[in-house]
N, C-alpha and C. Protein backbone atom coordinates (compact mmCIF):
# COMPACT_ATOMS: atom_id res chain seq x y z
N MET A 1 -16.85 75.01 -40.19
CA MET A 1 -17.99 74.35 -40.26
C MET A 1 -18.30 72.83 -40.05
N ASN A 2 -19.37 72.35 -39.54
CA ASN A 2 -19.13 71.16 -39.61
C ASN A 2 -20.77 71.09 -40.74
N HIS A 3 -20.18 70.37 -41.77
CA HIS A 3 -20.71 70.09 -42.85
C HIS A 3 -21.83 68.46 -43.48
N ASP A 4 -21.39 68.08 -41.91
CA ASP A 4 -22.44 66.68 -42.22
C ASP A 4 -23.80 67.07 -40.85
N SER A 5 -23.48 68.47 -40.68
CA SER A 5 -25.59 68.53 -40.09
C SER A 5 -24.99 70.61 -40.03
N TYR A 6 -26.47 70.44 -40.30
CA TYR A 6 -26.72 71.59 -40.25
C TYR A 6 -28.11 72.11 -39.13
N SER A 7 -27.75 73.11 -38.64
CA SER A 7 -29.24 73.33 -37.89
C SER A 7 -29.99 74.12 -38.53
N ASP A 8 -31.34 73.77 -38.04
CA ASP A 8 -32.43 74.37 -39.10
C ASP A 8 -32.86 75.82 -38.95
N ASN A 9 -31.83 76.88 -37.59
CA ASN A 9 -31.76 77.62 -37.58
C ASN A 9 -30.98 78.91 -39.19
N TYR A 10 -29.96 77.55 -39.19
CA TYR A 10 -28.92 77.83 -40.31
C TYR A 10 -29.41 77.73 -41.21
N ILE A 11 -30.00 77.01 -41.83
CA ILE A 11 -30.72 76.48 -43.20
C ILE A 11 -31.75 77.74 -43.26
N ARG A 12 -32.77 77.60 -42.41
CA ARG A 12 -33.72 78.87 -42.70
C ARG A 12 -33.15 80.29 -42.62
N GLY A 13 -32.25 80.80 -41.57
CA GLY A 13 -31.60 81.89 -41.71
C GLY A 13 -31.33 82.02 -43.47
N ILE A 14 -30.79 81.17 -43.72
CA ILE A 14 -30.72 81.59 -45.41
C ILE A 14 -31.81 81.30 -46.18
N LEU A 15 -32.50 80.99 -46.08
CA LEU A 15 -33.69 80.83 -47.37
C LEU A 15 -34.67 81.68 -46.68
N ASN A 16 -34.70 81.99 -45.67
CA ASN A 16 -34.81 82.96 -45.04
C ASN A 16 -34.62 84.72 -45.80
N THR A 17 -33.21 85.21 -46.19
CA THR A 17 -32.60 86.28 -46.84
C THR A 17 -32.04 86.80 -48.02
N VAL A 18 -32.26 84.93 -48.45
CA VAL A 18 -32.22 85.45 -49.83
C VAL A 18 -32.99 85.71 -50.71
N LYS A 19 -33.19 86.65 -51.80
CA LYS A 19 -34.04 86.61 -52.69
C LYS A 19 -33.94 86.01 -54.73
N THR A 20 -32.42 86.27 -54.59
CA THR A 20 -32.26 85.19 -56.32
C THR A 20 -31.58 84.86 -55.69
N ILE A 21 -31.67 83.88 -56.87
CA ILE A 21 -31.07 82.92 -56.66
C ILE A 21 -30.88 82.27 -58.24
N ALA A 22 -29.02 81.74 -58.08
CA ALA A 22 -28.96 81.65 -59.70
C ALA A 22 -28.45 80.11 -59.82
N MET A 23 -29.50 79.41 -60.57
CA MET A 23 -29.43 77.82 -60.44
C MET A 23 -28.58 77.53 -61.28
N VAL A 24 -27.10 77.28 -61.57
CA VAL A 24 -26.54 76.54 -62.27
C VAL A 24 -26.38 74.85 -62.62
N GLY A 25 -26.97 74.21 -63.74
CA GLY A 25 -27.40 73.50 -64.42
C GLY A 25 -29.13 72.65 -64.42
N ALA A 26 -29.87 74.08 -64.14
CA ALA A 26 -30.99 73.84 -64.12
C ALA A 26 -31.55 73.48 -65.64
N SER A 27 -32.04 72.56 -65.63
CA SER A 27 -32.67 71.63 -66.82
C SER A 27 -34.14 72.11 -67.28
N VAL A 28 -34.03 72.28 -69.02
CA VAL A 28 -35.10 72.38 -69.17
C VAL A 28 -36.81 71.24 -69.42
N ASN A 29 -35.84 70.36 -69.49
CA ASN A 29 -36.43 68.73 -69.25
C ASN A 29 -37.03 68.62 -67.74
N GLU A 30 -38.22 68.43 -68.39
CA GLU A 30 -39.89 68.91 -66.74
C GLU A 30 -40.16 66.91 -66.08
N ILE A 31 -38.35 66.41 -66.79
CA ILE A 31 -38.61 65.49 -65.59
C ILE A 31 -37.23 65.11 -65.18
N ARG A 32 -36.47 66.23 -64.34
CA ARG A 32 -35.07 66.17 -64.35
C ARG A 32 -35.34 66.78 -63.27
N PRO A 33 -34.83 66.52 -61.91
CA PRO A 33 -34.68 67.00 -60.17
C PRO A 33 -34.39 68.60 -60.90
N SER A 34 -33.42 69.20 -61.54
CA SER A 34 -33.02 69.98 -61.08
C SER A 34 -34.59 71.35 -61.83
N TYR A 35 -35.33 71.18 -63.06
CA TYR A 35 -36.51 71.32 -63.16
C TYR A 35 -37.45 71.84 -62.27
N PHE A 36 -37.75 70.14 -60.94
CA PHE A 36 -38.57 70.61 -60.39
C PHE A 36 -38.22 71.55 -59.04
N ALA A 37 -37.04 71.56 -58.79
CA ALA A 37 -36.40 72.39 -57.39
C ALA A 37 -36.41 74.19 -57.83
N PHE A 38 -36.11 73.58 -59.75
CA PHE A 38 -36.63 75.22 -59.89
C PHE A 38 -37.49 76.20 -60.05
N LYS A 39 -39.30 75.10 -60.26
CA LYS A 39 -39.71 75.77 -60.78
C LYS A 39 -40.77 75.47 -59.41
N TYR A 40 -40.26 75.11 -58.10
CA TYR A 40 -40.97 75.17 -56.71
C TYR A 40 -39.81 76.02 -56.14
N LEU A 41 -38.78 76.35 -56.04
CA LEU A 41 -38.19 77.42 -55.57
C LEU A 41 -38.95 78.73 -55.81
N LEU A 42 -39.06 79.01 -57.64
CA LEU A 42 -39.90 80.13 -58.31
C LEU A 42 -40.82 80.41 -57.78
N GLU A 43 -42.27 79.68 -57.53
CA GLU A 43 -43.63 79.12 -57.29
C GLU A 43 -43.69 79.96 -55.09
N ARG A 44 -42.55 79.93 -55.08
CA ARG A 44 -42.32 80.05 -53.96
C ARG A 44 -41.61 82.16 -53.51
N GLY A 45 -41.61 82.09 -54.53
CA GLY A 45 -41.74 83.52 -54.67
C GLY A 45 -39.98 84.14 -55.22
N PHE A 46 -38.95 83.29 -55.41
CA PHE A 46 -38.07 83.27 -55.38
C PHE A 46 -37.45 83.96 -56.33
N HIS A 47 -36.93 84.90 -56.98
CA HIS A 47 -36.09 85.43 -58.42
C HIS A 47 -35.22 83.96 -58.72
N MET A 48 -35.43 83.33 -59.83
CA MET A 48 -34.53 82.27 -59.69
C MET A 48 -34.38 82.89 -61.15
N ILE A 49 -32.77 82.21 -61.63
CA ILE A 49 -31.74 82.50 -62.89
C ILE A 49 -31.34 81.25 -63.31
N PRO A 50 -32.23 80.61 -63.90
CA PRO A 50 -30.67 79.61 -64.85
C PRO A 50 -29.71 79.67 -65.54
N VAL A 51 -29.04 78.90 -64.96
CA VAL A 51 -27.63 79.14 -65.57
C VAL A 51 -28.08 78.14 -66.64
N ASN A 52 -27.32 76.84 -67.79
CA ASN A 52 -27.19 76.04 -68.43
C ASN A 52 -26.83 76.59 -69.78
N PRO A 53 -25.09 76.28 -70.03
CA PRO A 53 -24.61 76.87 -71.70
C PRO A 53 -25.41 75.95 -72.06
N GLY A 54 -25.41 75.11 -72.57
CA GLY A 54 -26.58 74.00 -73.60
C GLY A 54 -28.10 74.86 -73.72
N HIS A 55 -28.48 75.71 -73.42
CA HIS A 55 -29.66 76.72 -73.37
C HIS A 55 -29.52 78.12 -73.25
N ALA A 56 -28.69 78.03 -73.37
CA ALA A 56 -28.64 79.91 -72.99
C ALA A 56 -29.61 80.11 -74.46
N GLY A 57 -29.78 81.70 -73.70
CA GLY A 57 -30.36 82.76 -74.75
C GLY A 57 -31.80 82.08 -74.59
N LYS A 58 -32.89 80.74 -74.29
CA LYS A 58 -34.25 80.45 -74.34
C LYS A 58 -34.16 80.75 -72.64
N GLU A 59 -35.46 80.05 -72.41
CA GLU A 59 -36.47 80.46 -71.14
C GLU A 59 -36.96 79.06 -69.96
N LEU A 60 -36.60 79.55 -69.32
CA LEU A 60 -36.90 77.74 -68.46
C LEU A 60 -38.25 78.94 -67.50
N LEU A 61 -39.59 77.97 -67.82
CA LEU A 61 -40.52 79.03 -67.03
C LEU A 61 -40.47 80.21 -67.01
N GLY A 62 -40.66 80.94 -68.08
CA GLY A 62 -40.48 82.82 -68.64
C GLY A 62 -39.06 82.97 -68.06
N GLN A 63 -38.32 82.35 -67.16
CA GLN A 63 -37.19 82.74 -66.90
C GLN A 63 -35.97 82.32 -68.42
N ARG A 64 -34.76 83.68 -68.74
CA ARG A 64 -33.59 83.90 -69.37
C ARG A 64 -32.96 83.04 -69.16
N ILE A 65 -32.21 82.07 -69.66
CA ILE A 65 -31.33 81.24 -69.73
C ILE A 65 -30.16 81.42 -69.52
N TYR A 66 -29.10 81.75 -68.89
CA TYR A 66 -27.62 82.16 -69.00
C TYR A 66 -26.64 81.06 -69.11
N ALA A 67 -25.60 81.64 -69.80
CA ALA A 67 -24.83 80.57 -70.01
C ALA A 67 -23.91 80.27 -68.62
N ARG A 68 -23.58 81.88 -68.48
CA ARG A 68 -22.24 81.21 -67.60
C ARG A 68 -22.91 82.74 -66.29
N LEU A 69 -22.41 81.97 -64.84
CA LEU A 69 -22.72 82.74 -63.57
C LEU A 69 -22.34 84.37 -64.25
N ALA A 70 -21.42 84.80 -64.90
CA ALA A 70 -20.98 85.93 -65.36
C ALA A 70 -21.87 86.68 -66.07
N GLY A 71 -22.36 86.29 -67.23
CA GLY A 71 -23.52 86.91 -67.76
C GLY A 71 -25.36 87.16 -67.02
N ILE A 72 -25.12 86.79 -65.95
CA ILE A 72 -26.37 87.61 -65.57
C ILE A 72 -26.03 89.59 -64.86
N PRO A 73 -26.73 89.75 -65.56
CA PRO A 73 -26.74 91.27 -64.89
C PRO A 73 -26.92 91.90 -64.04
N GLU A 74 -27.57 90.40 -63.08
CA GLU A 74 -28.22 91.32 -61.81
C GLU A 74 -27.44 91.16 -60.96
N PRO A 75 -27.29 91.41 -59.32
CA PRO A 75 -27.20 90.75 -58.58
C PRO A 75 -27.69 89.38 -58.19
N VAL A 76 -26.73 88.24 -57.64
CA VAL A 76 -27.04 87.03 -57.04
C VAL A 76 -26.49 86.97 -55.90
N ASP A 77 -28.44 86.20 -54.99
CA ASP A 77 -27.58 86.12 -53.10
C ASP A 77 -27.52 84.84 -52.92
N MET A 78 -27.46 83.63 -53.59
CA MET A 78 -27.34 82.40 -53.55
C MET A 78 -26.91 81.97 -54.62
N VAL A 79 -25.79 81.09 -54.53
CA VAL A 79 -25.49 80.01 -56.31
C VAL A 79 -26.55 78.17 -55.72
N ASP A 80 -27.41 78.01 -56.44
CA ASP A 80 -27.41 76.30 -56.34
C ASP A 80 -26.65 75.47 -57.28
N ILE A 81 -25.86 74.48 -56.79
CA ILE A 81 -25.10 73.89 -58.28
C ILE A 81 -25.68 72.67 -57.66
N PHE A 82 -26.68 72.56 -59.23
CA PHE A 82 -27.15 71.70 -59.71
C PHE A 82 -25.75 70.64 -60.89
N ARG A 83 -24.73 70.41 -60.82
CA ARG A 83 -23.90 70.30 -61.08
C ARG A 83 -22.83 69.20 -60.32
N PRO A 84 -22.44 68.02 -61.14
CA PRO A 84 -21.37 66.86 -60.40
C PRO A 84 -19.97 67.93 -59.41
N ALA A 85 -19.45 67.28 -58.14
CA ALA A 85 -19.16 67.95 -57.33
C ALA A 85 -18.19 68.26 -57.99
N GLN A 86 -17.21 67.55 -59.14
CA GLN A 86 -15.79 67.70 -59.47
C GLN A 86 -16.17 69.36 -60.22
N TYR A 87 -17.26 70.14 -60.48
CA TYR A 87 -17.23 71.32 -61.23
C TYR A 87 -18.17 72.30 -59.85
N ALA A 88 -17.27 71.75 -59.17
CA ALA A 88 -18.28 72.72 -57.95
C ALA A 88 -17.01 73.47 -57.33
N LEU A 89 -15.75 73.63 -57.40
CA LEU A 89 -14.76 74.28 -57.64
C LEU A 89 -14.39 75.18 -58.33
N ASP A 90 -14.75 74.69 -59.40
CA ASP A 90 -14.99 75.56 -60.74
C ASP A 90 -16.25 77.40 -60.54
N ILE A 91 -16.88 76.74 -59.98
CA ILE A 91 -18.43 77.71 -60.05
C ILE A 91 -18.35 78.40 -59.35
N VAL A 92 -17.77 78.30 -57.94
CA VAL A 92 -17.70 78.72 -56.49
C VAL A 92 -16.06 80.10 -57.22
N GLN A 93 -15.41 79.78 -57.65
CA GLN A 93 -14.28 79.98 -58.35
C GLN A 93 -14.83 81.55 -59.34
N GLU A 94 -15.94 81.60 -59.97
CA GLU A 94 -16.67 82.12 -60.69
C GLU A 94 -17.39 82.66 -59.77
N ALA A 95 -18.34 82.06 -59.31
CA ALA A 95 -19.07 83.26 -58.13
C ALA A 95 -18.73 84.37 -57.45
N LEU A 96 -17.26 84.60 -56.85
CA LEU A 96 -15.83 85.46 -56.34
C LEU A 96 -15.88 86.40 -57.43
N ALA A 97 -16.36 85.97 -58.17
CA ALA A 97 -15.42 86.97 -59.12
C ALA A 97 -16.39 88.00 -59.79
N LEU A 98 -17.86 87.48 -59.21
CA LEU A 98 -19.19 88.43 -59.39
C LEU A 98 -18.78 89.60 -57.92
N SER A 99 -19.41 90.49 -58.85
CA SER A 99 -19.89 91.61 -57.92
C SER A 99 -20.87 92.33 -58.19
N PRO A 100 -21.74 92.92 -56.64
CA PRO A 100 -21.42 91.78 -55.88
C PRO A 100 -21.34 90.10 -55.70
N ARG A 101 -20.34 89.85 -55.04
CA ARG A 101 -20.15 88.46 -54.39
C ARG A 101 -21.42 87.80 -54.00
N PRO A 102 -21.92 86.83 -54.19
CA PRO A 102 -23.26 85.76 -53.75
C PRO A 102 -22.78 86.02 -52.26
N ARG A 103 -24.04 85.90 -51.55
CA ARG A 103 -23.55 85.16 -49.85
C ARG A 103 -23.61 83.97 -49.75
N VAL A 104 -24.26 82.86 -50.73
CA VAL A 104 -24.45 81.44 -50.28
C VAL A 104 -23.55 81.06 -51.23
N ILE A 105 -23.69 79.51 -51.43
CA ILE A 105 -23.34 78.96 -51.99
C ILE A 105 -23.65 77.23 -51.39
N TRP A 106 -24.39 77.02 -52.60
CA TRP A 106 -25.33 75.91 -51.95
C TRP A 106 -25.49 74.32 -52.51
N MET A 107 -24.62 73.26 -52.31
CA MET A 107 -24.34 72.09 -53.43
C MET A 107 -25.90 71.84 -52.95
N GLN A 108 -26.21 71.17 -54.23
CA GLN A 108 -27.26 70.00 -54.48
C GLN A 108 -27.35 68.56 -54.09
N LEU A 109 -28.06 68.08 -53.17
CA LEU A 109 -28.14 67.05 -52.98
C LEU A 109 -27.55 65.38 -53.65
N GLY A 110 -26.03 65.14 -52.63
CA GLY A 110 -24.99 64.27 -53.36
C GLY A 110 -24.21 64.61 -53.82
N ILE A 111 -24.29 66.22 -53.87
CA ILE A 111 -22.79 67.21 -54.23
C ILE A 111 -22.00 67.38 -52.91
N ARG A 112 -20.98 67.58 -52.54
CA ARG A 112 -19.93 67.67 -51.50
C ARG A 112 -19.18 67.69 -52.31
N ASN A 113 -17.92 69.22 -51.72
CA ASN A 113 -16.54 69.61 -52.97
C ASN A 113 -15.86 70.38 -51.46
N ASN A 114 -14.85 69.48 -50.51
CA ASN A 114 -14.42 70.03 -49.09
C ASN A 114 -13.69 71.83 -49.82
N GLU A 115 -13.11 71.56 -50.93
CA GLU A 115 -12.46 72.07 -50.96
C GLU A 115 -13.08 73.31 -52.14
N ALA A 116 -13.92 73.28 -51.98
CA ALA A 116 -14.81 74.69 -52.47
C ALA A 116 -15.54 75.26 -52.02
N ALA A 117 -15.66 74.22 -50.45
CA ALA A 117 -16.25 74.86 -49.41
C ALA A 117 -15.48 75.77 -48.90
N ALA A 118 -14.37 75.56 -48.64
CA ALA A 118 -13.64 76.38 -47.69
C ALA A 118 -13.01 77.44 -48.26
N LEU A 119 -13.38 77.51 -49.26
CA LEU A 119 -12.84 78.93 -50.45
C LEU A 119 -13.57 79.78 -50.40
N ALA A 120 -15.25 79.64 -50.52
CA ALA A 120 -16.03 79.94 -50.61
C ALA A 120 -16.28 80.94 -48.76
N GLU A 121 -15.78 79.94 -47.91
CA GLU A 121 -16.20 80.54 -46.68
C GLU A 121 -14.91 81.04 -46.47
N THR A 122 -13.87 81.14 -46.92
CA THR A 122 -12.42 81.77 -46.68
C THR A 122 -12.75 82.96 -47.55
N ASN A 123 -14.01 83.04 -48.15
CA ASN A 123 -14.28 84.57 -48.96
C ASN A 123 -15.59 85.14 -48.20
N GLY A 124 -16.04 84.35 -47.30
CA GLY A 124 -17.06 85.06 -46.58
C GLY A 124 -18.61 84.50 -46.70
N MET A 125 -19.03 83.25 -47.88
CA MET A 125 -19.65 82.60 -48.25
C MET A 125 -20.28 81.43 -46.90
N LYS A 126 -21.82 81.57 -47.00
CA LYS A 126 -22.06 80.62 -45.77
C LYS A 126 -21.90 79.89 -46.72
N VAL A 127 -21.80 78.30 -47.01
CA VAL A 127 -22.48 77.37 -47.37
C VAL A 127 -23.08 76.31 -46.99
N VAL A 128 -23.87 75.47 -47.73
CA VAL A 128 -24.64 74.11 -47.99
C VAL A 128 -24.15 73.34 -48.81
N MET A 129 -23.89 72.12 -48.56
CA MET A 129 -23.47 71.17 -49.16
C MET A 129 -24.37 70.38 -49.03
N ASN A 130 -24.98 69.00 -49.91
CA ASN A 130 -25.79 68.02 -50.03
C ASN A 130 -26.67 67.62 -49.47
N ARG A 131 -27.58 68.96 -49.56
CA ARG A 131 -29.02 69.11 -49.06
C ARG A 131 -29.71 69.98 -50.56
N CYS A 132 -31.38 69.69 -50.48
CA CYS A 132 -31.69 70.40 -51.36
C CYS A 132 -32.99 72.11 -51.00
N PRO A 133 -32.57 72.54 -51.47
CA PRO A 133 -33.11 73.97 -50.55
C PRO A 133 -34.84 73.81 -50.92
N LYS A 134 -35.19 73.00 -52.23
CA LYS A 134 -37.05 72.73 -52.00
C LYS A 134 -36.99 71.70 -51.16
N ILE A 135 -36.44 70.61 -50.30
CA ILE A 135 -36.99 70.03 -50.35
C ILE A 135 -36.81 70.56 -48.18
N GLU A 136 -35.86 71.26 -48.07
CA GLU A 136 -35.82 72.13 -46.45
C GLU A 136 -36.79 73.18 -46.74
N TYR A 137 -36.76 73.87 -47.87
CA TYR A 137 -37.73 74.67 -47.26
C TYR A 137 -39.19 74.04 -47.16
N GLY A 138 -39.75 72.70 -47.95
CA GLY A 138 -40.74 72.50 -47.54
C GLY A 138 -40.92 71.42 -46.78
N ARG A 139 -39.41 70.77 -45.56
CA ARG A 139 -39.70 70.37 -44.13
C ARG A 139 -39.81 71.89 -43.59
N LEU A 140 -38.83 72.60 -43.96
CA LEU A 140 -39.30 74.09 -41.94
C LEU A 140 -40.33 75.03 -42.59
N SER A 141 -41.35 75.05 -43.66
CA SER A 141 -42.23 75.32 -43.33
C SER A 141 -43.66 74.31 -43.54
N SER A 142 -42.71 72.90 -42.98
CA SER A 142 -43.95 72.11 -42.82
C SER A 142 -44.92 72.11 -44.06
N GLU A 143 -44.75 72.51 -45.20
CA GLU A 143 -45.22 72.28 -46.74
C GLU A 143 -45.10 71.23 -47.03
N ILE A 144 -46.18 69.87 -47.13
CA ILE A 144 -45.96 68.83 -47.62
C ILE A 144 -47.23 69.00 -49.35
N ALA A 145 -45.56 68.96 -50.36
CA ALA A 145 -45.67 69.53 -51.58
C ALA A 145 -45.84 68.06 -52.47
N TRP A 146 -44.52 67.83 -53.31
CA TRP A 146 -44.98 66.80 -54.54
C TRP A 146 -43.74 65.92 -53.58
N MET A 147 -42.98 66.13 -52.60
CA MET A 147 -42.35 65.13 -51.78
C MET A 147 -43.23 65.24 -49.81
N GLY A 148 -43.58 63.87 -50.02
CA GLY A 148 -43.46 63.82 -48.57
C GLY A 148 -43.04 64.09 -47.76
N VAL A 149 -41.81 65.28 -47.70
CA VAL A 149 -40.99 64.38 -46.25
C VAL A 149 -41.26 64.87 -44.72
N ASN A 150 -40.89 63.98 -43.82
CA ASN A 150 -41.04 63.85 -42.60
C ASN A 150 -40.85 65.64 -42.15
N THR A 151 -41.54 66.36 -41.90
CA THR A 151 -40.69 67.71 -41.67
C THR A 151 -40.54 67.92 -40.12
N ARG A 152 -40.66 67.21 -39.35
CA ARG A 152 -40.63 67.43 -37.61
C ARG A 152 -41.41 68.41 -37.05
N THR A 153 -41.90 69.71 -37.54
CA THR A 153 -42.37 71.04 -37.50
C THR A 153 -43.94 70.14 -37.07
N ILE A 154 -44.11 71.35 -36.24
CA ILE A 154 -45.55 70.61 -35.13
C ILE A 154 -45.99 72.41 -35.19
N SER A 155 -47.15 72.80 -35.86
CA SER A 155 -47.75 74.01 -35.11
C SER A 155 -49.13 74.18 -35.47
N ALA A 156 -50.11 74.66 -34.80
CA ALA A 156 -51.63 74.84 -34.68
C ALA A 156 -51.86 75.97 -35.46
N LYS A 157 -50.82 76.73 -36.20
CA LYS A 157 -51.26 77.97 -36.55
C LYS A 157 -51.35 77.76 -38.15
N LYS A 158 -52.71 78.35 -38.30
CA LYS A 158 -53.40 78.10 -39.71
C LYS A 158 -52.33 78.88 -40.63
N ALA A 159 -52.21 77.83 -41.45
CA ALA A 159 -51.11 78.37 -42.76
C ALA A 159 -51.62 79.46 -43.31
N ALA A 160 -51.26 80.59 -43.95
CA ALA A 160 -51.54 81.79 -44.95
C ALA A 160 -52.07 81.37 -46.35
N ARG A 161 -53.07 81.61 -46.98
CA ARG A 161 -53.44 81.05 -48.26
C ARG A 161 -52.70 81.98 -49.66
N SER A 162 -52.43 81.88 -50.80
CA SER A 162 -52.03 82.16 -51.53
C SER A 162 -51.84 81.96 -53.18
N GLY A 163 -53.43 81.94 -53.70
CA GLY A 163 -54.07 81.90 -54.59
C GLY A 163 -54.57 81.07 -54.84
N GLY A 164 -55.60 80.02 -54.07
CA GLY A 164 -56.24 79.00 -53.44
C GLY A 164 -55.43 77.96 -52.85
N ILE A 165 -54.05 78.37 -52.88
CA ILE A 165 -53.07 77.06 -52.63
C ILE A 165 -52.61 77.09 -51.35
N GLN A 166 -52.32 76.18 -50.37
CA GLN A 166 -52.03 76.59 -49.31
C GLN A 166 -50.61 76.63 -49.08
N ARG A 167 -49.99 78.13 -48.55
CA ARG A 167 -48.11 77.99 -48.91
C ARG A 167 -48.35 78.58 -47.57
N LEU A 168 -47.16 77.56 -46.89
CA LEU A 168 -46.48 77.62 -45.07
C LEU A 168 -45.41 78.83 -45.61
N SER A 169 -44.90 79.66 -44.20
CA SER A 169 -43.86 80.58 -43.86
C SER A 169 -43.10 79.58 -43.69
N LEU A 170 -41.30 79.96 -43.48
CA LEU A 170 -39.97 79.39 -42.95
C LEU A 170 -40.17 80.01 -41.52
N GLN A 171 -40.80 81.06 -41.49
CA GLN A 171 -41.02 81.83 -39.87
C GLN A 171 -41.29 81.10 -38.78
N ARG A 172 -42.11 79.86 -39.15
CA ARG A 172 -42.64 78.67 -38.29
C ARG A 172 -41.68 77.98 -37.42
N PRO A 173 -41.73 78.14 -35.90
CA PRO A 173 -41.13 77.45 -35.42
C PRO A 173 -40.59 76.16 -35.63
N SER A 174 -39.39 74.95 -35.39
CA SER A 174 -39.36 74.22 -36.06
C SER A 174 -39.53 73.04 -34.56
N VAL A 175 -40.46 71.84 -34.24
CA VAL A 175 -39.64 71.04 -32.82
C VAL A 175 -39.18 69.92 -33.36
N PRO A 176 -38.27 69.52 -32.81
CA PRO A 176 -37.94 67.96 -33.24
C PRO A 176 -38.88 67.29 -32.63
N GLY A 177 -39.24 65.91 -33.07
CA GLY A 177 -40.10 64.84 -32.50
C GLY A 177 -39.92 63.98 -32.11
N GLY A 178 -40.79 63.71 -31.19
CA GLY A 178 -40.34 62.52 -30.22
C GLY A 178 -39.17 62.19 -28.87
N LEU A 179 -38.65 61.39 -28.17
CA LEU A 179 -37.76 61.73 -27.02
C LEU A 179 -37.06 60.70 -28.03
N THR A 180 -36.56 61.07 -28.59
CA THR A 180 -35.08 60.36 -29.35
C THR A 180 -33.54 61.04 -28.72
N SER A 181 -32.36 60.31 -29.37
CA SER A 181 -31.01 60.79 -29.52
C SER A 181 -31.14 62.00 -30.92
N ALA A 182 -31.79 61.66 -31.82
CA ALA A 182 -31.63 62.77 -33.10
C ALA A 182 -32.21 63.77 -32.30
N ALA A 183 -34.08 63.73 -31.81
CA ALA A 183 -33.95 65.14 -31.56
C ALA A 183 -33.43 65.86 -30.55
N GLU A 184 -32.79 64.79 -29.59
CA GLU A 184 -32.19 66.00 -28.37
C GLU A 184 -30.88 66.07 -28.95
N ARG A 185 -30.44 65.67 -30.13
CA ARG A 185 -28.80 66.75 -30.92
C ARG A 185 -29.70 67.12 -31.50
N ALA A 186 -30.95 67.73 -32.41
CA ALA A 186 -31.24 68.58 -33.37
C ALA A 186 -31.92 70.00 -32.23
N GLN A 187 -32.19 69.34 -30.98
CA GLN A 187 -32.88 70.69 -29.93
C GLN A 187 -30.91 71.06 -29.68
N HIS A 188 -29.96 70.72 -29.37
CA HIS A 188 -28.83 71.03 -28.92
C HIS A 188 -28.63 71.61 -30.16
N ASP A 189 -28.34 71.51 -31.51
CA ASP A 189 -27.80 71.84 -32.26
C ASP A 189 -28.00 73.16 -32.77
N ASP A 190 -29.72 73.25 -32.39
CA ASP A 190 -30.98 74.39 -32.50
C ASP A 190 -30.68 76.04 -31.62
N GLY A 191 -29.97 75.40 -30.33
CA GLY A 191 -29.62 76.13 -29.34
C GLY A 191 -30.90 76.58 -28.41
N GLU A 192 -31.57 75.02 -28.08
CA GLU A 192 -32.59 75.08 -27.88
C GLU A 192 -32.12 74.25 -26.96
N THR A 193 -33.32 74.18 -25.11
CA THR A 193 -32.38 73.54 -23.84
C THR A 193 -32.98 72.61 -23.54
């Protein structure tokens, strides 16, 4: 797989099917990016499990923090790696030891480890590198939340309301904007003509 570019359908497919996400490197510090990503995904209905040995046994936003993936007492669909790239291979090896195995390994922005990705893919896992599920969810759902991301998504459909706050769905179609080479590549990557 080409890990320099992912189609919207590939990312949407992952975010639409995973329910339980273990975030390795989740921080209890409210100004850390992992805290924001954890909170955002938790608020979107994902079952979030924080993994951080320095805070094991404590809670993050009401969720018990585990020291390692192996300590989580339930199946995990996706492992979100919020640790430097040099730790990714060890984390993938730990994920492979879980039963059942997670279906997805996701490495956050700035994290790329080709060896870890190859190992995960060889063992049947989907892999995303150098992307943030929070940003991708917001972009694909046209939601403008904490970060004003150019979503490239156009829809006339009114979004569903949840608890007085507008929450958009990943089921909405993405349409690349403008007649640029980037838009044409996006259409081609998504299987559109």
